Amino acid sequence: MDNPVLSQWLTQPGGLSTLLSEARQAAGLTGVALANRLDWPQSRVSRIQAGRQVATRSDVAQWAEACDAPGLVDAVEPLLSEASARHLPWRLRLARGHAGAQEGYNVLHRESERVVMVETALIPSPLQTKSYSRAVLSALSNLVPQIVDLDASVSARAARSVTDDAEGPAYEFIVSEAALLGSPASKDVMLEQLEHLRNVITYEGVTFRLLELTPDSPVVPLESFRIYRIEDQNLVLVETFSGETEYSTPERTADYIKALDWLREAAVTGSECRQVINRAIRRHRR
C-alpha cells in the first residue's frame, strides 16, 4: 500500500524490506532473477523491497531459501511480529494531508484484484457522489484537522469511483441500512447519493448487500473494515477514531474473513436491496 509512514518503517536501516533487499543483493540476484526463482510476479518483489507491501512469514521463508540465507527468517522474526498488525495514528497516516492519503488508497485499489468493503455508518467511498464525499470529509475535519485541501481530497477520492465499464477490481460491498438513513450530508445531498447508489449497484463487477435494521437481526456489525486482495494475499484495514490498523498475515486476517462470511449470510441483495434503498429515499423525501 502507498503508505509513506509504513514504507518508511519498512525501508529504514534494519527494516524488514531493507533486510530482504540486502539478502537478495548478497546472493548476487537482481529483482527479476529473484522473482523467477520464486515464481512470483516481479512487481511483488518490487513492492516488498520498496515498502509498499509487507512480507509474510511464508514470503520470508521462500525469500531466504531462494537467496540461500538460512538465518534470515530468525533475523526478521521480531519485525514480522510488529508488521503483522500496525496501528497508524491519524497524525502520522495523514502527514501529507488527506488528499495524499486518498491518493494512496487509489493506488491500493488499482493494485487489487478484489476489494471488499464492510461499512456500518457510511456509503463506501467508491460508491459516493462528490457532494456526499465533501460532506463526509468536511465533518471528519473536526476530528482529523489534517484535511487541508477539501477540493483536492474530494477529487482524489472520486478517482476510485466505480464505473460501468468493468475496469478496476471486482468490488463487494456490505453496508448497514444505518448508512442510508443518517450522515453528515444534507437531505438533498443524501437523496442524490441514494439515487446514485440505486444505479451503481447494478454495474458489472459490483456485488452489493445490505444489512437491514431489524429487531431480530442474527448479526452484529461491530466495525467497518476493508479487505484488499493482491496476488493471493489479503490486506485488512480497520479505521478507528484514533487511527488506522493494518493486518496483513493470514493469522491476523482470518477473523475478518470469518466475520465477512457471517455478515454475507444475514445481508440481502438484488431486488431486496433496492427495496431498502427505495424505502430510505421515501423517508428522506418527507
C-alpha atoms as a PDB file:
ATOM      1  CA  MET A   1       0.000   0.000   0.000  1.00  0.00           C
ATOM      2  CA  ASP A   2       1.235   3.521  -0.770  1.00  0.00           C
ATOM      3  CA  ASN A   3       1.547   4.481   2.893  1.00  0.00           C
ATOM      4  CA  PRO A   4       4.541   6.776   3.499  1.00  0.00           C
ATOM      5  CA  VAL A   5       4.648   6.086   7.239  1.00  0.00           C
ATOM      6  CA  LEU A   6       4.624   2.304   6.874  1.00  0.00           C
ATOM      7  CA  SER A   7       7.015   2.433   3.894  1.00  0.00           C
ATOM      8  CA  GLN A   8       9.491   4.496   5.905  1.00  0.00           C
ATOM      9  CA  TRP A   9       9.386   1.979   8.750  1.00  0.00           C
ATOM     10  CA  LEU A  10       9.869  -0.969   6.395  1.00  0.00           C
ATOM     11  CA  THR A  11      12.739   0.581   4.425  1.00  0.00           C
ATOM     12  CA  GLN A  12      14.695   2.218   7.260  1.00  0.00           C
ATOM     13  CA  PRO A  13      18.143   0.758   8.101  1.00  0.00           C
ATOM     14  CA  GLY A  14      17.447  -2.599   9.731  1.00  0.00           C
ATOM     15  CA  GLY A  15      13.833  -2.540   8.487  1.00  0.00           C
ATOM     16  CA  LEU A  16      12.080  -5.613   7.139  1.00  0.00           C
ATOM     17  CA  SER A  17      12.216  -4.547   3.485  1.00  0.00           C
ATOM     18  CA  THR A  18      15.818  -3.384   3.868  1.00  0.00           C
ATOM     19  CA  LEU A  19      16.975  -6.736   5.277  1.00  0.00           C
ATOM     20  CA  LEU A  20      15.222  -8.626   2.488  1.00  0.00           C
ATOM     21  CA  SER A  21      16.845  -6.398  -0.137  1.00  0.00           C
ATOM     22  CA  GLU A  22      20.252  -6.894   1.458  1.00  0.00           C
ATOM     23  CA  ALA A  23      19.783 -10.685   1.388  1.00  0.00           C
ATOM     24  CA  ARG A  24      18.942 -10.536  -2.319  1.00  0.00           C
ATOM     25  CA  GLN A  25      21.996  -8.402  -3.050  1.00  0.00           C
ATOM     26  CA  ALA A  26      24.263 -10.674  -1.003  1.00  0.00           C
ATOM     27  CA  ALA A  27      23.064 -13.596  -3.109  1.00  0.00           C
ATOM     28  CA  GLY A  28      24.017 -11.699  -6.260  1.00  0.00           C
ATOM     29  CA  LEU A  29      20.460 -11.713  -7.578  1.00  0.00           C
ATOM     30  CA  THR A  30      18.565  -8.999  -9.377  1.00  0.00           C
ATOM     31  CA  GLY A  31      14.922  -8.423  -8.529  1.00  0.00           C
ATOM     32  CA  VAL A  32      13.918 -10.130 -11.777  1.00  0.00           C
ATOM     33  CA  ALA A  33      16.145 -13.142 -11.086  1.00  0.00           C
ATOM     34  CA  LEU A  34      14.731 -13.496  -7.574  1.00  0.00           C
ATOM     35  CA  ALA A  35      11.160 -13.273  -8.871  1.00  0.00           C
ATOM     36  CA  ASN A  36      11.943 -16.019 -11.384  1.00  0.00           C
ATOM     37  CA  ARG A  37      13.351 -18.267  -8.656  1.00  0.00           C
ATOM     38  CA  LEU A  38      10.295 -17.681  -6.503  1.00  0.00           C
ATOM     39  CA  ASP A  39       7.893 -17.936  -9.447  1.00  0.00           C
ATOM     40  CA  TRP A  40       6.420 -14.594  -8.362  1.00  0.00           C
ATOM     41  CA  PRO A  41       5.471 -11.572 -10.443  1.00  0.00           C
ATOM     42  CA  GLN A  42       8.420  -9.186 -10.460  1.00  0.00           C
ATOM     43  CA  SER A  43       6.078  -6.453  -9.205  1.00  0.00           C
ATOM     44  CA  ARG A  44       5.607  -8.373  -5.952  1.00  0.00           C
ATOM     45  CA  VAL A  45       9.349  -8.385  -5.269  1.00  0.00           C
ATOM     46  CA  SER A  46       9.493  -4.677  -6.099  1.00  0.00           C
ATOM     47  CA  ARG A  47       6.601  -3.782  -3.780  1.00  0.00           C
ATOM     48  CA  ILE A  48       8.108  -5.707  -0.867  1.00  0.00           C
ATOM     49  CA  GLN A  49      11.529  -4.110  -1.324  1.00  0.00           C
ATOM     50  CA  ALA A  50      10.036  -0.621  -1.708  1.00  0.00           C
ATOM     51  CA  GLY A  51       7.973  -0.991   1.472  1.00  0.00           C
ATOM     52  CA  ARG A  52       4.673  -0.926  -0.383  1.00  0.00           C
ATOM     53  CA  GLN A  53       3.754  -4.454   0.706  1.00  0.00           C
ATOM     54  CA  VAL A  54       4.505  -6.199   3.991  1.00  0.00           C
ATOM     55  CA  ALA A  55       6.149  -9.594   3.513  1.00  0.00           C
ATOM     56  CA  THR A  56       4.532 -12.521   5.321  1.00  0.00           C
ATOM     57  CA  ARG A  57       6.388 -15.285   7.149  1.00  0.00           C
ATOM     58  CA  SER A  58       5.803 -17.525   4.148  1.00  0.00           C
ATOM     59  CA  ASP A  59       7.229 -14.837   1.855  1.00  0.00           C
ATOM     60  CA  VAL A  60      10.334 -14.501   4.027  1.00  0.00           C
ATOM     61  CA  ALA A  61      10.863 -18.270   4.211  1.00  0.00           C
ATOM     62  CA  GLN A  62      10.714 -18.571   0.423  1.00  0.00           C
ATOM     63  CA  TRP A  63      12.903 -15.489   0.002  1.00  0.00           C
ATOM     64  CA  ALA A  64      15.513 -16.893   2.396  1.00  0.00           C
ATOM     65  CA  GLU A  65      15.609 -20.227   0.584  1.00  0.00           C
ATOM     66  CA  ALA A  66      15.947 -18.560  -2.826  1.00  0.00           C
ATOM     67  CA  CYS A  67      18.815 -16.386  -1.511  1.00  0.00           C
ATOM     68  CA  ASP A  68      20.477 -19.238   0.416  1.00  0.00           C
ATOM     69  CA  ALA A  69      20.137 -17.194   3.616  1.00  0.00           C
ATOM     70  CA  PRO A  70      19.016 -19.678   6.314  1.00  0.00           C
ATOM     71  CA  GLY A  71      19.373 -17.172   9.157  1.00  0.00           C
ATOM     72  CA  LEU A  72      17.117 -14.584   7.550  1.00  0.00           C
ATOM     73  CA  VAL A  73      13.836 -15.877   8.998  1.00  0.00           C
ATOM     74  CA  ASP A  74      15.081 -15.720  12.593  1.00  0.00           C
ATOM     75  CA  ALA A  75      16.670 -12.314  11.995  1.00  0.00           C
ATOM     76  CA  VAL A  76      13.428 -10.688  10.859  1.00  0.00           C
ATOM     77  CA  GLU A  77      11.037 -12.531  13.207  1.00  0.00           C
ATOM     78  CA  PRO A  78      10.627  -9.555  15.606  1.00  0.00           C
ATOM     79  CA  LEU A  79       9.914  -7.293  12.646  1.00  0.00           C
ATOM     80  CA  LEU A  80       7.349  -9.721  11.244  1.00  0.00           C
ATOM     81  CA  SER A  81       5.514  -9.770  14.565  1.00  0.00           C
ATOM     82  CA  GLU A  82       5.387  -5.984  14.646  1.00  0.00           C
ATOM     83  CA  ALA A  83       4.452  -5.646  10.984  1.00  0.00           C
ATOM     84  CA  SER A  84       1.577  -8.134  11.154  1.00  0.00           C
ATOM     85  CA  ALA A  85      -0.618  -5.587  12.953  1.00  0.00           C
ATOM     86  CA  ARG A  86       0.402  -1.941  12.787  1.00  0.00           C
ATOM     87  CA  HIS A  87      -1.694   0.884  14.146  1.00  0.00           C
ATOM     88  CA  LEU A  88      -1.016   4.203  12.445  1.00  0.00           C
ATOM     89  CA  PRO A  89      -2.331   7.278  14.312  1.00  0.00           C
ATOM     90  CA  TRP A  90      -4.122   9.755  12.079  1.00  0.00           C
ATOM     91  CA  ARG A  91      -1.491  12.418  12.738  1.00  0.00           C
ATOM     92  CA  LEU A  92       1.028  10.109  11.024  1.00  0.00           C
ATOM     93  CA  ARG A  93      -1.285   8.477   8.494  1.00  0.00           C
ATOM     94  CA  LEU A  94      -2.302  11.904   7.222  1.00  0.00           C
ATOM     95  CA  ALA A  95       1.116  13.526   7.452  1.00  0.00           C
ATOM     96  CA  ARG A  96       0.836  14.505   3.770  1.00  0.00           C
ATOM     97  CA  GLY A  97      -2.728  15.711   4.178  1.00  0.00           C
ATOM     98  CA  HIS A  98      -5.942  13.884   3.416  1.00  0.00           C
ATOM     99  CA  ALA A  99      -5.569  14.253  -0.351  1.00  0.00           C
ATOM    100  CA  GLY A 100      -2.253  12.401  -0.157  1.00  0.00           C
ATOM    101  CA  ALA A 101      -3.847   9.609   1.840  1.00  0.00           C
ATOM    102  CA  GLN A 102      -6.680   9.366  -0.694  1.00  0.00           C
ATOM    103  CA  GLU A 103      -4.118   9.007  -3.499  1.00  0.00           C
ATOM    104  CA  GLY A 104      -2.546   6.170  -1.522  1.00  0.00           C
ATOM    105  CA  TYR A 105      -5.894   4.387  -1.327  1.00  0.00           C
ATOM    106  CA  ASN A 106      -6.290   4.876  -5.089  1.00  0.00           C
ATOM    107  CA  VAL A 107      -3.014   3.033  -5.686  1.00  0.00           C
ATOM    108  CA  LEU A 108      -4.176   0.229  -3.417  1.00  0.00           C
ATOM    109  CA  HIS A 109      -7.454  -0.095  -5.332  1.00  0.00           C
ATOM    110  CA  ARG A 110      -5.645  -0.190  -8.671  1.00  0.00           C
ATOM    111  CA  GLU A 111      -3.311  -2.956  -7.489  1.00  0.00           C
ATOM    112  CA  SER A 112      -6.085  -5.113  -6.007  1.00  0.00           C
ATOM    113  CA  GLU A 113      -7.859  -7.882  -7.841  1.00  0.00           C
ATOM    114  CA  ARG A 114     -10.757  -7.708  -5.399  1.00  0.00           C
ATOM    115  CA  VAL A 115     -11.881  -5.166  -2.815  1.00  0.00           C
ATOM    116  CA  VAL A 116     -14.401  -5.964  -0.074  1.00  0.00           C
ATOM    117  CA  MET A 117     -15.795  -3.091   1.988  1.00  0.00           C
ATOM    118  CA  VAL A 118     -17.989  -3.504   5.070  1.00  0.00           C
ATOM    119  CA  GLU A 119     -19.469  -0.193   6.234  1.00  0.00           C
ATOM    120  CA  THR A 120     -21.655   0.309   9.286  1.00  0.00           C
ATOM    121  CA  ALA A 121     -22.372   4.046   9.047  1.00  0.00           C
ATOM    122  CA  LEU A 122     -21.351   5.487   5.665  1.00  0.00           C
ATOM    123  CA  ILE A 123     -21.740   4.792   1.971  1.00  0.00           C
ATOM    124  CA  PRO A 124     -18.445   3.170   0.827  1.00  0.00           C
ATOM    125  CA  SER A 125     -16.107   5.627  -0.871  1.00  0.00           C
ATOM    126  CA  PRO A 126     -16.184   4.056  -4.387  1.00  0.00           C
ATOM    127  CA  LEU A 127     -19.983   4.467  -4.386  1.00  0.00           C
ATOM    128  CA  GLN A 128     -20.048   8.069  -3.146  1.00  0.00           C
ATOM    129  CA  THR A 129     -21.099  11.139  -5.079  1.00  0.00           C
ATOM    130  CA  LYS A 130     -18.757  14.128  -4.847  1.00  0.00           C
ATOM    131  CA  SER A 131     -21.291  16.069  -2.790  1.00  0.00           C
ATOM    132  CA  TYR A 132     -21.628  13.239  -0.301  1.00  0.00           C
ATOM    133  CA  SER A 133     -17.820  12.830  -0.108  1.00  0.00           C
ATOM    134  CA  ARG A 134     -17.454  16.540   0.564  1.00  0.00           C
ATOM    135  CA  ALA A 135     -19.959  16.386   3.416  1.00  0.00           C
ATOM    136  CA  VAL A 136     -18.229  13.374   4.985  1.00  0.00           C
ATOM    137  CA  LEU A 137     -14.685  14.735   4.644  1.00  0.00           C
ATOM    138  CA  SER A 138     -15.774  18.129   5.919  1.00  0.00           C
ATOM    139  CA  ALA A 139     -17.283  16.506   9.023  1.00  0.00           C
ATOM    140  CA  LEU A 140     -14.132  14.437   9.573  1.00  0.00           C
ATOM    141  CA  SER A 141     -12.059  17.618   9.629  1.00  0.00           C
ATOM    142  CA  ASN A 142     -13.410  18.205  13.154  1.00  0.00           C
ATOM    143  CA  LEU A 143     -11.650  15.017  14.242  1.00  0.00           C
ATOM    144  CA  VAL A 144      -8.753  14.943  11.785  1.00  0.00           C
ATOM    145  CA  PRO A 145      -7.662  18.543  11.077  1.00  0.00           C
ATOM    146  CA  GLN A 146      -5.046  17.387   8.539  1.00  0.00           C
ATOM    147  CA  ILE A 147      -7.721  17.725   5.843  1.00  0.00           C
ATOM    148  CA  VAL A 148      -6.100  20.847   4.410  1.00  0.00           C
ATOM    149  CA  ASP A 149      -7.433  20.956   0.855  1.00  0.00           C
ATOM    150  CA  LEU A 150     -11.009  19.742   0.770  1.00  0.00           C
ATOM    151  CA  ASP A 151     -11.350  20.138  -3.014  1.00  0.00           C
ATOM    152  CA  ALA A 152      -8.224  18.041  -3.656  1.00  0.00           C
ATOM    153  CA  SER A 153      -9.366  15.406  -1.158  1.00  0.00           C
ATOM    154  CA  VAL A 154     -12.787  15.079  -2.796  1.00  0.00           C
ATOM    155  CA  SER A 155     -11.256  14.847  -6.274  1.00  0.00           C
ATOM    156  CA  ALA A 156      -8.736  12.227  -5.151  1.00  0.00           C
ATOM    157  CA  ARG A 157     -11.466  10.129  -3.559  1.00  0.00           C
ATOM    158  CA  ALA A 158     -13.620  10.414  -6.702  1.00  0.00           C
ATOM    159  CA  ALA A 159     -10.786   8.900  -8.747  1.00  0.00           C
ATOM    160  CA  ARG A 160     -11.630   5.451  -7.359  1.00  0.00           C
ATOM    161  CA  SER A 161     -15.369   5.673  -8.007  1.00  0.00           C
ATOM    162  CA  VAL A 162     -16.746   2.538  -9.630  1.00  0.00           C
ATOM    163  CA  THR A 163     -17.859   2.903 -13.240  1.00  0.00           C
ATOM    164  CA  ASP A 164     -19.943   0.853 -15.634  1.00  0.00           C
ATOM    165  CA  ASP A 165     -17.015  -0.136 -17.856  1.00  0.00           C
ATOM    166  CA  ALA A 166     -15.926  -3.129 -15.717  1.00  0.00           C
ATOM    167  CA  GLU A 167     -12.381  -1.792 -15.311  1.00  0.00           C
ATOM    168  CA  GLY A 168     -10.588  -1.995 -11.993  1.00  0.00           C
ATOM    169  CA  PRO A 169     -11.000  -4.592  -9.247  1.00  0.00           C
ATOM    170  CA  ALA A 170     -14.089  -6.651  -8.529  1.00  0.00           C
ATOM    171  CA  TYR A 171     -15.993  -4.966  -5.706  1.00  0.00           C
ATOM    172  CA  GLU A 172     -18.095  -6.422  -2.935  1.00  0.00           C
ATOM    173  CA  PHE A 173     -19.911  -4.106  -0.535  1.00  0.00           C
ATOM    174  CA  ILE A 174     -21.804  -4.972   2.636  1.00  0.00           C
ATOM    175  CA  VAL A 175     -23.487  -1.879   4.073  1.00  0.00           C
ATOM    176  CA  SER A 176     -25.669  -1.373   7.117  1.00  0.00           C
ATOM    177  CA  GLU A 177     -29.068   0.197   6.488  1.00  0.00           C
ATOM    178  CA  ALA A 178     -27.976   2.831   9.008  1.00  0.00           C
ATOM    179  CA  ALA A 179     -25.723   4.302   6.320  1.00  0.00           C
ATOM    180  CA  LEU A 180     -28.809   5.062   4.214  1.00  0.00           C
ATOM    181  CA  LEU A 181     -30.653   6.858   6.984  1.00  0.00           C
ATOM    182  CA  GLY A 182     -28.212   9.292   8.529  1.00  0.00           C
ATOM    183  CA  SER A 183     -24.986  11.057   7.595  1.00  0.00           C
ATOM    184  CA  PRO A 184     -23.324  14.478   7.726  1.00  0.00           C
ATOM    185  CA  ALA A 185     -24.914  15.200   4.329  1.00  0.00           C
ATOM    186  CA  SER A 186     -27.983  17.396   3.847  1.00  0.00           C
ATOM    187  CA  LYS A 187     -31.297  15.911   2.768  1.00  0.00           C
ATOM    188  CA  ASP A 188     -30.760  16.939  -0.874  1.00  0.00           C
ATOM    189  CA  VAL A 189     -27.247  15.512  -0.954  1.00  0.00           C
ATOM    190  CA  MET A 190     -28.474  12.328   0.683  1.00  0.00           C
ATOM    191  CA  LEU A 191     -31.243  11.909  -1.879  1.00  0.00           C
ATOM    192  CA  GLU A 192     -28.759  12.397  -4.719  1.00  0.00           C
ATOM    193  CA  GLN A 193     -26.467   9.830  -3.098  1.00  0.00           C
ATOM    194  CA  LEU A 194     -29.186   7.228  -2.667  1.00  0.00           C
ATOM    195  CA  GLU A 195     -30.404   7.612  -6.235  1.00  0.00           C
ATOM    196  CA  HIS A 196     -26.814   7.206  -7.422  1.00  0.00           C
ATOM    197  CA  LEU A 197     -26.431   4.155  -5.199  1.00  0.00           C
ATOM    198  CA  ARG A 198     -29.550   2.579  -6.661  1.00  0.00           C
ATOM    199  CA  ASN A 199     -27.954   2.792 -10.118  1.00  0.00           C
ATOM    200  CA  VAL A 200     -24.331   1.976  -9.379  1.00  0.00           C
ATOM    201  CA  ILE A 201     -25.055  -1.294  -7.555  1.00  0.00           C
ATOM    202  CA  THR A 202     -26.232  -2.738 -10.889  1.00  0.00           C
ATOM    203  CA  TYR A 203     -22.829  -2.198 -12.537  1.00  0.00           C
ATOM    204  CA  GLU A 204     -20.824  -5.149 -13.750  1.00  0.00           C
ATOM    205  CA  GLY A 205     -18.162  -6.166 -11.267  1.00  0.00           C
ATOM    206  CA  VAL A 206     -20.139  -4.867  -8.275  1.00  0.00           C
ATOM    207  CA  THR A 207     -21.726  -7.107  -5.641  1.00  0.00           C
ATOM    208  CA  PHE A 208     -23.820  -5.168  -3.140  1.00  0.00           C
ATOM    209  CA  ARG A 209     -25.516  -6.385   0.022  1.00  0.00           C
ATOM    210  CA  LEU A 210     -27.417  -4.578   2.773  1.00  0.00           C
ATOM    211  CA  LEU A 211     -27.799  -5.399   6.440  1.00  0.00           C
ATOM    212  CA  GLU A 212     -31.340  -4.422   7.350  1.00  0.00           C
ATOM    213  CA  LEU A 213     -32.070  -2.869  10.722  1.00  0.00           C
ATOM    214  CA  THR A 214     -34.442  -5.382  12.279  1.00  0.00           C
ATOM    215  CA  PRO A 215     -35.202  -6.347  15.893  1.00  0.00           C
ATOM    216  CA  ASP A 216     -34.203  -9.967  15.272  1.00  0.00           C
ATOM    217  CA  SER A 217     -31.035  -9.454  13.265  1.00  0.00           C
ATOM    218  CA  PRO A 218     -28.785 -12.544  13.550  1.00  0.00           C
ATOM    219  CA  VAL A 219     -25.563 -10.485  13.286  1.00  0.00           C
ATOM    220  CA  VAL A 220     -23.920  -7.527  14.972  1.00  0.00           C
ATOM    221  CA  PRO A 221     -21.783  -5.424  12.581  1.00  0.00           C
ATOM    222  CA  LEU A 222     -19.290  -4.299  15.197  1.00  0.00           C
ATOM    223  CA  GLU A 223     -16.976  -2.294  12.955  1.00  0.00           C
ATOM    224  CA  SER A 224     -16.271  -1.196   9.424  1.00  0.00           C
ATOM    225  CA  PHE A 225     -13.360  -2.826   7.624  1.00  0.00           C
ATOM    226  CA  ARG A 226     -11.914  -3.312   4.157  1.00  0.00           C
ATOM    227  CA  ILE A 227     -10.201  -6.335   2.615  1.00  0.00           C
ATOM    228  CA  TYR A 228      -7.862  -5.882  -0.357  1.00  0.00           C
ATOM    229  CA  ARG A 229      -6.851  -8.969  -2.325  1.00  0.00           C
ATOM    230  CA  ILE A 230      -3.462  -8.564  -4.024  1.00  0.00           C
ATOM    231  CA  GLU A 231      -1.738 -11.531  -5.654  1.00  0.00           C
ATOM    232  CA  ASP A 232      -3.422 -14.138  -3.428  1.00  0.00           C
ATOM    233  CA  GLN A 233      -2.800 -12.195  -0.212  1.00  0.00           C
ATOM    234  CA  ASN A 234      -5.253 -10.253   1.918  1.00  0.00           C
ATOM    235  CA  LEU A 235      -4.692  -6.851   3.500  1.00  0.00           C
ATOM    236  CA  VAL A 236      -7.293  -5.764   6.065  1.00  0.00           C
ATOM    237  CA  LEU A 237      -7.674  -2.101   7.022  1.00  0.00           C
ATOM    238  CA  VAL A 238      -9.730  -1.064  10.036  1.00  0.00           C
ATOM    239  CA  GLU A 239     -10.369   2.602  10.794  1.00  0.00           C
ATOM    240  CA  THR A 240     -10.923   3.805  14.355  1.00  0.00           C
ATOM    241  CA  PHE A 241     -11.217   7.228  15.991  1.00  0.00           C
ATOM    242  CA  SER A 242      -7.505   7.129  16.796  1.00  0.00           C
ATOM    243  CA  GLY A 243      -6.105   5.883  13.512  1.00  0.00           C
ATOM    244  CA  GLU A 244      -5.938   3.003  11.061  1.00  0.00           C
ATOM    245  CA  THR A 245      -4.874  -0.562  11.804  1.00  0.00           C
ATOM    246  CA  GLU A 246      -3.432  -2.823   9.110  1.00  0.00           C
ATOM    247  CA  TYR A 247      -3.498  -6.628   9.269  1.00  0.00           C
ATOM    248  CA  SER A 248      -1.530  -8.483   6.628  1.00  0.00           C
ATOM    249  CA  THR A 249      -0.823 -12.038   7.797  1.00  0.00           C
ATOM    250  CA  PRO A 250      -3.237 -14.993   7.450  1.00  0.00           C
ATOM    251  CA  GLU A 251      -3.363 -15.334  11.227  1.00  0.00           C
ATOM    252  CA  ARG A 252      -4.430 -11.695  11.618  1.00  0.00           C
ATOM    253  CA  THR A 253      -6.856 -11.541   8.691  1.00  0.00           C
ATOM    254  CA  ALA A 254      -8.680 -14.818   9.436  1.00  0.00           C
ATOM    255  CA  ASP A 255     -11.117 -13.251  11.918  1.00  0.00           C
ATOM    256  CA  TYR A 256     -12.228 -10.696   9.327  1.00  0.00           C
ATOM    257  CA  ILE A 257     -12.710 -13.359   6.652  1.00  0.00           C
ATOM    258  CA  LYS A 258     -14.880 -15.261   9.139  1.00  0.00           C
ATOM    259  CA  ALA A 259     -16.841 -12.104  10.013  1.00  0.00           C
ATOM    260  CA  LEU A 260     -17.364 -11.425   6.308  1.00  0.00           C
ATOM    261  CA  ASP A 261     -18.962 -14.830   5.778  1.00  0.00           C
ATOM    262  CA  TRP A 262     -21.196 -14.239   8.814  1.00  0.00           C
ATOM    263  CA  LEU A 263     -22.359 -10.861   7.507  1.00  0.00           C
ATOM    264  CA  ARG A 264     -22.948 -12.163   3.980  1.00  0.00           C
ATOM    265  CA  GLU A 265     -25.395 -14.751   5.273  1.00  0.00           C
ATOM    266  CA  ALA A 266     -27.507 -12.124   7.024  1.00  0.00           C
ATOM    267  CA  ALA A 267     -27.472  -9.482   4.274  1.00  0.00           C
ATOM    268  CA  VAL A 268     -30.000  -9.012   1.498  1.00  0.00           C
ATOM    269  CA  THR A 269     -29.122  -8.459  -2.142  1.00  0.00           C
ATOM    270  CA  GLY A 270     -30.728  -7.851  -5.537  1.00  0.00           C
ATOM    271  CA  SER A 271     -34.312  -6.655  -5.533  1.00  0.00           C
ATOM    272  CA  GLU A 272     -34.448  -6.727  -1.721  1.00  0.00           C
ATOM    273  CA  CYS A 273     -31.555  -4.225  -1.642  1.00  0.00           C
ATOM    274  CA  ARG A 274     -33.392  -1.902  -3.995  1.00  0.00           C
ATOM    275  CA  GLN A 275     -36.497  -2.092  -1.790  1.00  0.00           C
ATOM    276  CA  VAL A 276     -34.462  -0.992   1.229  1.00  0.00           C
ATOM    277  CA  ILE A 277     -32.870   1.861  -0.748  1.00  0.00           C
ATOM    278  CA  ASN A 278     -36.271   2.971  -2.057  1.00  0.00           C
ATOM    279  CA  ARG A 279     -37.592   2.938   1.488  1.00  0.00           C
ATOM    280  CA  ALA A 280     -34.744   5.208   2.576  1.00  0.00           C
ATOM    281  CA  ILE A 281     -35.389   7.547  -0.351  1.00  0.00           C
ATOM    282  CA  ARG A 282     -39.044   7.883   0.607  1.00  0.00           C
ATOM    283  CA  ARG A 283     -38.023   8.662   4.180  1.00  0.00           C
ATOM    284  CA  HIS A 284     -35.644  11.444   3.108  1.00  0.00           C
ATOM    285  CA  ARG A 285     -38.297  12.952   0.830  1.00  0.00           C
ATOM    286  CA  ARG A 286     -40.744  13.508   3.675  1.00  0.00           C
END
